[in-house]
Amino acid sequence: MSNYSLKRTDQSQRVKEFVVPDRDLTKTYSRSQFVAKLRRLADAIESERTFTIQVAGERLRIPASAVFNIEHERNGDQEELEFQLVWAPAEA
């Protein structure tokens, strides 16, 4: 499947637009890899600069303007803590 589609805007003009597929995945890292990524992230946040990371083959650019939140979930006998960075793709 192509990441590009052609959209007709009138009878004589075609515009190429980039289509980004939805994605929701979890990647597991070793303790040392996770710590290294957290340190790089913390340094970028503290210095108010863009953070770049590659996850499962896709390079992500998180702008300094990203919103940070922490999410806690409890479901039966399992608990989950997520540190989230939220941004619009146009900001990156």
PDB file of N, CA and C in Angstrom:
ATOM      1  N   MET A   1       0.845  -1.179   0.000  1.00  0.00           N
ATOM      2  CA  MET A   1       0.000   0.000   0.000  1.00  0.00           C
ATOM      3  C   MET A   1       0.885   1.236   0.000  1.00  0.00           C
ATOM      4  N   SER A   2       0.560   2.193  -0.814  1.00  0.00           N
ATOM      5  CA  SER A   2       1.338   3.418  -0.938  1.00  0.00           C
ATOM      6  C   SER A   2       0.954   4.407   0.145  1.00  0.00           C
ATOM      7  N   ASN A   3       1.936   5.209   0.569  1.00  0.00           N
ATOM      8  CA  ASN A   3       1.666   6.273   1.531  1.00  0.00           C
ATOM      9  C   ASN A   3       1.254   7.555   0.829  1.00  0.00           C
ATOM     10  N   TYR A   4       1.111   7.511  -0.478  1.00  0.00           N
ATOM     11  CA  TYR A   4       0.709   8.690  -1.226  1.00  0.00           C
ATOM     12  C   TYR A   4      -0.616   8.432  -1.909  1.00  0.00           C
ATOM     13  N   SER A   5      -1.417   9.478  -2.015  1.00  0.00           N
ATOM     14  CA  SER A   5      -2.645   9.368  -2.791  1.00  0.00           C
ATOM     15  C   SER A   5      -2.779  10.622  -3.631  1.00  0.00           C
ATOM     16  N   LEU A   6      -3.458  10.500  -4.737  1.00  0.00           N
ATOM     17  CA  LEU A   6      -3.705  11.664  -5.582  1.00  0.00           C
ATOM     18  C   LEU A   6      -5.127  12.135  -5.349  1.00  0.00           C
ATOM     19  N   LYS A   7      -5.264  13.420  -5.165  1.00  0.00           N
ATOM     20  CA  LYS A   7      -6.572  14.008  -4.906  1.00  0.00           C
ATOM     21  C   LYS A   7      -6.843  15.032  -6.002  1.00  0.00           C
ATOM     22  N   ARG A   8      -7.950  14.885  -6.692  1.00  0.00           N
ATOM     23  CA  ARG A   8      -8.279  15.816  -7.759  1.00  0.00           C
ATOM     24  C   ARG A   8      -8.948  17.046  -7.141  1.00  0.00           C
ATOM     25  N   THR A   9      -8.346  18.224  -7.395  1.00  0.00           N
ATOM     26  CA  THR A   9      -8.899  19.460  -6.867  1.00  0.00           C
ATOM     27  C   THR A   9      -9.760  20.174  -7.898  1.00  0.00           C
ATOM     28  N   ASP A  10      -9.494  19.955  -9.161  1.00  0.00           N
ATOM     29  CA  ASP A  10     -10.351  20.409 -10.253  1.00  0.00           C
ATOM     30  C   ASP A  10     -10.022  19.542 -11.460  1.00  0.00           C
ATOM     31  N   GLN A  11     -10.545  19.843 -12.611  1.00  0.00           N
ATOM     32  CA  GLN A  11     -10.357  18.970 -13.760  1.00  0.00           C
ATOM     33  C   GLN A  11      -8.932  18.962 -14.293  1.00  0.00           C
ATOM     34  N   SER A  12      -8.146  19.994 -14.031  1.00  0.00           N
ATOM     35  CA  SER A  12      -6.822  20.060 -14.618  1.00  0.00           C
ATOM     36  C   SER A  12      -5.673  19.958 -13.614  1.00  0.00           C
ATOM     37  N   GLN A  13      -5.966  19.967 -12.338  1.00  0.00           N
ATOM     38  CA  GLN A  13      -4.898  20.008 -11.345  1.00  0.00           C
ATOM     39  C   GLN A  13      -4.956  18.790 -10.433  1.00  0.00           C
ATOM     40  N   ARG A  14      -3.810  18.211 -10.183  1.00  0.00           N
ATOM     41  CA  ARG A  14      -3.715  17.102  -9.227  1.00  0.00           C
ATOM     42  C   ARG A  14      -2.752  17.514  -8.127  1.00  0.00           C
ATOM     43  N   VAL A  15      -3.095  17.151  -6.916  1.00  0.00           N
ATOM     44  CA  VAL A  15      -2.278  17.475  -5.760  1.00  0.00           C
ATOM     45  C   VAL A  15      -1.888  16.165  -5.082  1.00  0.00           C
ATOM     46  N   LYS A  16      -0.592  16.002  -4.830  1.00  0.00           N
ATOM     47  CA  LYS A  16      -0.129  14.819  -4.119  1.00  0.00           C
ATOM     48  C   LYS A  16      -0.176  15.135  -2.630  1.00  0.00           C
ATOM     49  N   GLU A  17      -0.841  14.281  -1.869  1.00  0.00           N
ATOM     50  CA  GLU A  17      -0.898  14.498  -0.428  1.00  0.00           C
ATOM     51  C   GLU A  17      -0.352  13.257   0.272  1.00  0.00           C
ATOM     52  N   PHE A  18       0.319  13.472   1.386  1.00  0.00           N
ATOM     53  CA  PHE A  18       0.917  12.387   2.156  1.00  0.00           C
ATOM     54  C   PHE A  18      -0.110  11.830   3.129  1.00  0.00           C
ATOM     55  N   VAL A  19      -0.318  10.533   3.103  1.00  0.00           N
ATOM     56  CA  VAL A  19      -1.267   9.886   3.994  1.00  0.00           C
ATOM     57  C   VAL A  19      -0.465   9.098   5.031  1.00  0.00           C
ATOM     58  N   VAL A  20      -0.621   9.452   6.295  1.00  0.00           N
ATOM     59  CA  VAL A  20       0.089   8.781   7.372  1.00  0.00           C
ATOM     60  C   VAL A  20      -0.859   7.786   8.024  1.00  0.00           C
ATOM     61  N   PRO A  21      -0.520   6.503   7.975  1.00  0.00           N
ATOM     62  CA  PRO A  21      -1.412   5.507   8.580  1.00  0.00           C
ATOM     63  C   PRO A  21      -1.405   5.617  10.105  1.00  0.00           C
ATOM     64  N   ASP A  22      -2.532   5.276  10.721  1.00  0.00           N
ATOM     65  CA  ASP A  22      -2.598   5.234  12.175  1.00  0.00           C
ATOM     66  C   ASP A  22      -1.618   4.182  12.678  1.00  0.00           C
ATOM     67  N   ARG A  23      -1.155   4.392  13.889  1.00  0.00           N
ATOM     68  CA  ARG A  23      -0.179   3.453  14.445  1.00  0.00           C
ATOM     69  C   ARG A  23      -0.355   3.414  15.955  1.00  0.00           C
ATOM     70  N   ASP A  24      -0.360   2.235  16.522  1.00  0.00           N
ATOM     71  CA  ASP A  24      -0.431   2.064  17.968  1.00  0.00           C
ATOM     72  C   ASP A  24       0.349   0.797  18.288  1.00  0.00           C
ATOM     73  N   LEU A  25       1.551   0.976  18.820  1.00  0.00           N
ATOM     74  CA  LEU A  25       2.364  -0.192  19.123  1.00  0.00           C
ATOM     75  C   LEU A  25       3.090   0.001  20.439  1.00  0.00           C
ATOM     76  N   THR A  26       3.533  -1.082  20.980  1.00  0.00           N
ATOM     77  CA  THR A  26       4.333  -1.074  22.196  1.00  0.00           C
ATOM     78  C   THR A  26       5.640  -1.760  21.875  1.00  0.00           C
ATOM     79  N   LYS A  27       6.730  -1.118  22.216  1.00  0.00           N
ATOM     80  CA  LYS A  27       8.067  -1.674  21.976  1.00  0.00           C
ATOM     81  C   LYS A  27       8.724  -1.903  23.327  1.00  0.00           C
ATOM     82  N   THR A  28       9.216  -3.102  23.556  1.00  0.00           N
ATOM     83  CA  THR A  28       9.868  -3.443  24.818  1.00  0.00           C
ATOM     84  C   THR A  28      11.379  -3.287  24.668  1.00  0.00           C
ATOM     85  N   TYR A  29      12.001  -2.645  25.661  1.00  0.00           N
ATOM     86  CA  TYR A  29      13.442  -2.417  25.663  1.00  0.00           C
ATOM     87  C   TYR A  29      14.051  -3.021  26.913  1.00  0.00           C
ATOM     88  N   SER A  30      15.349  -3.287  26.854  1.00  0.00           N
ATOM     89  CA  SER A  30      16.065  -3.734  28.050  1.00  0.00           C
ATOM     90  C   SER A  30      16.124  -2.561  29.033  1.00  0.00           C
ATOM     91  N   ARG A  31      16.431  -2.839  30.251  1.00  0.00           N
ATOM     92  CA  ARG A  31      16.523  -1.792  31.272  1.00  0.00           C
ATOM     93  C   ARG A  31      17.539  -0.724  30.853  1.00  0.00           C
ATOM     94  N   SER A  32      18.719  -1.133  30.394  1.00  0.00           N
ATOM     95  CA  SER A  32      19.752  -0.152  30.029  1.00  0.00           C
ATOM     96  C   SER A  32      19.336   0.691  28.821  1.00  0.00           C
ATOM     97  N   GLN A  33      18.674   0.092  27.832  1.00  0.00           N
ATOM     98  CA  GLN A  33      18.188   0.853  26.682  1.00  0.00           C
ATOM     99  C   GLN A  33      17.126   1.864  27.112  1.00  0.00           C
ATOM    100  N   PHE A  34      16.216   1.434  27.981  1.00  0.00           N
ATOM    101  CA  PHE A  34      15.140   2.303  28.460  1.00  0.00           C
ATOM    102  C   PHE A  34      15.706   3.487  29.241  1.00  0.00           C
ATOM    103  N   VAL A  35      16.667   3.215  30.112  1.00  0.00           N
ATOM    104  CA  VAL A  35      17.295   4.279  30.899  1.00  0.00           C
ATOM    105  C   VAL A  35      17.991   5.283  29.980  1.00  0.00           C
ATOM    106  N   ALA A  36      18.708   4.796  28.975  1.00  0.00           N
ATOM    107  CA  ALA A  36      19.405   5.697  28.038  1.00  0.00           C
ATOM    108  C   ALA A  36      18.414   6.591  27.304  1.00  0.00           C
ATOM    109  N   LYS A  37      17.288   6.029  26.865  1.00  0.00           N
ATOM    110  CA  LYS A  37      16.276   6.824  26.159  1.00  0.00           C
ATOM    111  C   LYS A  37      15.654   7.856  27.096  1.00  0.00           C
ATOM    112  N   LEU A  38      15.355   7.455  28.326  1.00  0.00           N
ATOM    113  CA  LEU A  38      14.795   8.399  29.295  1.00  0.00           C
ATOM    114  C   LEU A  38      15.766   9.552  29.585  1.00  0.00           C
ATOM    115  N   ARG A  39      17.058   9.244  29.695  1.00  0.00           N
ATOM    116  CA  ARG A  39      18.054  10.302  29.941  1.00  0.00           C
ATOM    117  C   ARG A  39      18.114  11.290  28.784  1.00  0.00           C
ATOM    118  N   ARG A  40      18.118  10.765  27.554  1.00  0.00           N
ATOM    119  CA  ARG A  40      18.136  11.662  26.384  1.00  0.00           C
ATOM    120  C   ARG A  40      16.877  12.520  26.344  1.00  0.00           C
ATOM    121  N   LEU A  41      15.734  11.894  26.646  1.00  0.00           N
ATOM    122  CA  LEU A  41      14.473  12.622  26.663  1.00  0.00           C
ATOM    123  C   LEU A  41      14.490  13.706  27.733  1.00  0.00           C
ATOM    124  N   ALA A  42      14.921  13.357  28.939  1.00  0.00           N
ATOM    125  CA  ALA A  42      14.972  14.328  30.034  1.00  0.00           C
ATOM    126  C   ALA A  42      15.893  15.499  29.680  1.00  0.00           C
ATOM    127  N   ASP A  43      17.025  15.214  29.070  1.00  0.00           N
ATOM    128  CA  ASP A  43      17.946  16.283  28.664  1.00  0.00           C
ATOM    129  C   ASP A  43      17.295  17.209  27.638  1.00  0.00           C
ATOM    130  N   ALA A  44      16.585  16.631  26.673  1.00  0.00           N
ATOM    131  CA  ALA A  44      15.916  17.438  25.643  1.00  0.00           C
ATOM    132  C   ALA A  44      14.812  18.294  26.256  1.00  0.00           C
ATOM    133  N   ILE A  45      14.018  17.723  27.158  1.00  0.00           N
ATOM    134  CA  ILE A  45      12.931  18.471  27.808  1.00  0.00           C
ATOM    135  C   ILE A  45      13.514  19.614  28.628  1.00  0.00           C
ATOM    136  N   GLU A  46      14.542  19.299  29.412  1.00  0.00           N
ATOM    137  CA  GLU A  46      15.145  20.310  30.279  1.00  0.00           C
ATOM    138  C   GLU A  46      15.743  21.472  29.489  1.00  0.00           C
ATOM    139  N   SER A  47      16.341  21.175  28.345  1.00  0.00           N
ATOM    140  CA  SER A  47      16.957  22.231  27.537  1.00  0.00           C
ATOM    141  C   SER A  47      16.000  22.809  26.492  1.00  0.00           C
ATOM    142  N   GLU A  48      14.731  22.367  26.533  1.00  0.00           N
ATOM    143  CA  GLU A  48      13.679  22.872  25.639  1.00  0.00           C
ATOM    144  C   GLU A  48      14.052  22.731  24.167  1.00  0.00           C
ATOM    145  N   ARG A  49      14.534  21.542  23.811  1.00  0.00           N
ATOM    146  CA  ARG A  49      14.879  21.285  22.409  1.00  0.00           C
ATOM    147  C   ARG A  49      14.129  20.047  21.894  1.00  0.00           C
ATOM    148  N   THR A  50      14.079  19.930  20.593  1.00  0.00           N
ATOM    149  CA  THR A  50      13.427  18.809  19.931  1.00  0.00           C
ATOM    150  C   THR A  50      14.099  17.498  20.323  1.00  0.00           C
ATOM    151  N   PHE A  51      13.278  16.458  20.471  1.00  0.00           N
ATOM    152  CA  PHE A  51      13.774  15.122  20.798  1.00  0.00           C
ATOM    153  C   PHE A  51      13.474  14.208  19.618  1.00  0.00           C
ATOM    154  N   THR A  52      14.475  13.472  19.160  1.00  0.00           N
ATOM    155  CA  THR A  52      14.295  12.542  18.052  1.00  0.00           C
ATOM    156  C   THR A  52      14.566  11.132  18.553  1.00  0.00           C
ATOM    157  N   ILE A  53      13.672  10.219  18.178  1.00  0.00           N
ATOM    158  CA  ILE A  53      13.802   8.823  18.599  1.00  0.00           C
ATOM    159  C   ILE A  53      13.283   7.927  17.476  1.00  0.00           C
ATOM    160  N   GLN A  54      13.895   6.759  17.328  1.00  0.00           N
ATOM    161  CA  GLN A  54      13.409   5.789  16.357  1.00  0.00           C
ATOM    162  C   GLN A  54      12.737   4.650  17.112  1.00  0.00           C
ATOM    163  N   VAL A  55      11.486   4.356  16.739  1.00  0.00           N
ATOM    164  CA  VAL A  55      10.719   3.295  17.383  1.00  0.00           C
ATOM    165  C   VAL A  55      10.229   2.336  16.303  1.00  0.00           C
ATOM    166  N   ALA A  56      10.656   1.097  16.405  1.00  0.00           N
ATOM    167  CA  ALA A  56      10.234   0.049  15.464  1.00  0.00           C
ATOM    168  C   ALA A  56      10.390   0.506  14.016  1.00  0.00           C
ATOM    169  N   GLY A  57      11.539   1.108  13.709  1.00  0.00           N
ATOM    170  CA  GLY A  57      11.851   1.486  12.337  1.00  0.00           C
ATOM    171  C   GLY A  57      11.346   2.837  11.881  1.00  0.00           C
ATOM    172  N   GLU A  58      10.592   3.539  12.704  1.00  0.00           N
ATOM    173  CA  GLU A  58      10.079   4.860  12.316  1.00  0.00           C
ATOM    174  C   GLU A  58      10.726   5.938  13.182  1.00  0.00           C
ATOM    175  N   ARG A  59      11.315   6.939  12.514  1.00  0.00           N
ATOM    176  CA  ARG A  59      11.950   8.039  13.227  1.00  0.00           C
ATOM    177  C   ARG A  59      10.904   9.088  13.577  1.00  0.00           C
ATOM    178  N   LEU A  60      10.836   9.426  14.865  1.00  0.00           N
ATOM    179  CA  LEU A  60       9.881  10.406  15.357  1.00  0.00           C
ATOM    180  C   LEU A  60      10.620  11.649  15.816  1.00  0.00           C
ATOM    181  N   ARG A  61      10.060  12.802  15.511  1.00  0.00           N
ATOM    182  CA  ARG A  61      10.620  14.082  15.932  1.00  0.00           C
ATOM    183  C   ARG A  61       9.598  14.753  16.839  1.00  0.00           C
ATOM    184  N   ILE A  62       9.923  14.841  18.126  1.00  0.00           N
ATOM    185  CA  ILE A  62       9.005  15.421  19.104  1.00  0.00           C
ATOM    186  C   ILE A  62       9.462  16.845  19.381  1.00  0.00           C
ATOM    187  N   PRO A  63       8.624  17.835  19.069  1.00  0.00           N
ATOM    188  CA  PRO A  63       9.016  19.230  19.251  1.00  0.00           C
ATOM    189  C   PRO A  63       9.085  19.617  20.727  1.00  0.00           C
ATOM    190  N   ALA A  64       9.836  20.653  21.010  1.00  0.00           N
ATOM    191  CA  ALA A  64       9.950  21.150  22.383  1.00  0.00           C
ATOM    192  C   ALA A  64       8.593  21.613  22.912  1.00  0.00           C
ATOM    193  N   SER A  65       7.669  21.915  22.026  1.00  0.00           N
ATOM    194  CA  SER A  65       6.341  22.403  22.424  1.00  0.00           C
ATOM    195  C   SER A  65       5.362  21.270  22.764  1.00  0.00           C
ATOM    196  N   ALA A  66       5.815  20.027  22.737  1.00  0.00           N
ATOM    197  CA  ALA A  66       4.937  18.895  23.048  1.00  0.00           C
ATOM    198  C   ALA A  66       4.347  19.048  24.453  1.00  0.00           C
ATOM    199  N   VAL A  67       3.164  18.465  24.646  1.00  0.00           N
ATOM    200  CA  VAL A  67       2.501  18.468  25.949  1.00  0.00           C
ATOM    201  C   VAL A  67       2.873  17.167  26.649  1.00  0.00           C
ATOM    202  N   PHE A  68       3.190  17.256  27.933  1.00  0.00           N
ATOM    203  CA  PHE A  68       3.611  16.092  28.711  1.00  0.00           C
ATOM    204  C   PHE A  68       2.514  15.712  29.694  1.00  0.00           C
ATOM    205  N   ASN A  69       2.225  14.423  29.796  1.00  0.00           N
ATOM    206  CA  ASN A  69       1.291  13.975  30.817  1.00  0.00           C
ATOM    207  C   ASN A  69       1.663  12.573  31.270  1.00  0.00           C
ATOM    208  N   ILE A  70       1.135  12.212  32.409  1.00  0.00           N
ATOM    209  CA  ILE A  70       1.371  10.890  32.983  1.00  0.00           C
ATOM    210  C   ILE A  70       0.013  10.228  33.168  1.00  0.00           C
ATOM    211  N   GLU A  71      -0.090   9.000  32.707  1.00  0.00           N
ATOM    212  CA  GLU A  71      -1.351   8.268  32.773  1.00  0.00           C
ATOM    213  C   GLU A  71      -1.164   7.016  33.617  1.00  0.00           C
ATOM    214  N   HIS A  72      -2.115   6.779  34.535  1.00  0.00           N
ATOM    215  CA  HIS A  72      -2.095   5.572  35.357  1.00  0.00           C
ATOM    216  C   HIS A  72      -3.360   4.782  35.064  1.00  0.00           C
ATOM    217  N   GLU A  73      -3.184   3.502  34.791  1.00  0.00           N
ATOM    218  CA  GLU A  73      -4.326   2.625  34.550  1.00  0.00           C
ATOM    219  C   GLU A  73      -4.251   1.438  35.498  1.00  0.00           C
ATOM    220  N   ARG A  74      -5.418   1.003  35.973  1.00  0.00           N
ATOM    221  CA  ARG A  74      -5.515  -0.189  36.804  1.00  0.00           C
ATOM    222  C   ARG A  74      -6.632  -1.039  36.215  1.00  0.00           C
ATOM    223  N   ASN A  75      -6.319  -2.315  35.984  1.00  0.00           N
ATOM    224  CA  ASN A  75      -7.300  -3.213  35.408  1.00  0.00           C
ATOM    225  C   ASN A  75      -7.115  -4.572  36.083  1.00  0.00           C
ATOM    226  N   GLY A  76      -7.974  -4.869  37.033  1.00  0.00           N
ATOM    227  CA  GLY A  76      -7.856  -6.135  37.758  1.00  0.00           C
ATOM    228  C   GLY A  76      -6.573  -6.179  38.554  1.00  0.00           C
ATOM    229  N   ASP A  77      -5.714  -7.140  38.240  1.00  0.00           N
ATOM    230  CA  ASP A  77      -4.469  -7.304  38.992  1.00  0.00           C
ATOM    231  C   ASP A  77      -3.257  -6.702  38.278  1.00  0.00           C
ATOM    232  N   GLN A  78      -3.503  -5.857  37.281  1.00  0.00           N
ATOM    233  CA  GLN A  78      -2.404  -5.246  36.539  1.00  0.00           C
ATOM    234  C   GLN A  78      -2.508  -3.729  36.590  1.00  0.00           C
ATOM    235  N   GLU A  79      -1.366  -3.069  36.763  1.00  0.00           N
ATOM    236  CA  GLU A  79      -1.314  -1.608  36.742  1.00  0.00           C
ATOM    237  C   GLU A  79      -0.342  -1.165  35.664  1.00  0.00           C
ATOM    238  N   GLU A  80      -0.588   0.023  35.132  1.00  0.00           N
ATOM    239  CA  GLU A  80       0.228   0.549  34.054  1.00  0.00           C
ATOM    240  C   GLU A  80       0.459   2.035  34.275  1.00  0.00           C
ATOM    241  N   LEU A  81       1.681   2.480  34.052  1.00  0.00           N
ATOM    242  CA  LEU A  81       2.040   3.887  34.150  1.00  0.00           C
ATOM    243  C   LEU A  81       2.657   4.291  32.826  1.00  0.00           C
ATOM    244  N   GLU A  82       2.098   5.318  32.186  1.00  0.00           N
ATOM    245  CA  GLU A  82       2.599   5.783  30.895  1.00  0.00           C
ATOM    246  C   GLU A  82       3.017   7.247  31.005  1.00  0.00           C
ATOM    247  N   PHE A  83       4.212   7.533  30.547  1.00  0.00           N
ATOM    248  CA  PHE A  83       4.668   8.905  30.392  1.00  0.00           C
ATOM    249  C   PHE A  83       4.416   9.244  28.932  1.00  0.00           C
ATOM    250  N   GLN A  84       3.570  10.242  28.681  1.00  0.00           N
ATOM    251  CA  GLN A  84       3.151  10.532  27.319  1.00  0.00           C
ATOM    252  C   GLN A  84       3.622  11.906  26.871  1.00  0.00           C
ATOM    253  N   LEU A  85       3.984  11.982  25.609  1.00  0.00           N
ATOM    254  CA  LEU A  85       4.283  13.248  24.948  1.00  0.00           C
ATOM    255  C   LEU A  85       3.285  13.357  23.808  1.00  0.00           C
ATOM    256  N   VAL A  86       2.572  14.461  23.741  1.00  0.00           N
ATOM    257  CA  VAL A  86       1.521  14.636  22.741  1.00  0.00           C
ATOM    258  C   VAL A  86       1.840  15.876  21.915  1.00  0.00           C
ATOM    259  N   TRP A  87       1.764  15.734  20.593  1.00  0.00           N
ATOM    260  CA  TRP A  87       2.022  16.853  19.694  1.00  0.00           C
ATOM    261  C   TRP A  87       1.310  16.627  18.379  1.00  0.00           C
ATOM    262  N   ALA A  88       1.115  17.685  17.635  1.00  0.00           N
ATOM    263  CA  ALA A  88       0.515  17.582  16.315  1.00  0.00           C
ATOM    264  C   ALA A  88       1.651  17.359  15.312  1.00  0.00           C
ATOM    265  N   PRO A  89       1.471  16.490  14.331  1.00  0.00           N
ATOM    266  CA  PRO A  89       2.542  16.218  13.358  1.00  0.00           C
ATOM    267  C   PRO A  89       3.077  17.490  12.690  1.00  0.00           C
ATOM    268  N   ALA A  90       2.246  18.499  12.511  1.00  0.00           N
ATOM    269  CA  ALA A  90       2.695  19.725  11.872  1.00  0.00           C
ATOM    270  C   ALA A  90       3.706  20.477  12.743  1.00  0.00           C
ATOM    271  N   GLU A  91       3.679  20.251  14.064  1.00  0.00           N
ATOM    272  CA  GLU A  91       4.633  20.902  14.974  1.00  0.00           C
ATOM    273  C   GLU A  91       6.019  20.327  14.829  1.00  0.00           C
ATOM    274  N   ALA A  92       6.103  19.049  14.475  1.00  0.00           N
ATOM    275  CA  ALA A  92       7.391  18.372  14.399  1.00  0.00           C
ATOM    276  C   ALA A  92       8.133  18.849  13.185  1.00  0.00           C
TER     277      ALA A  92
END
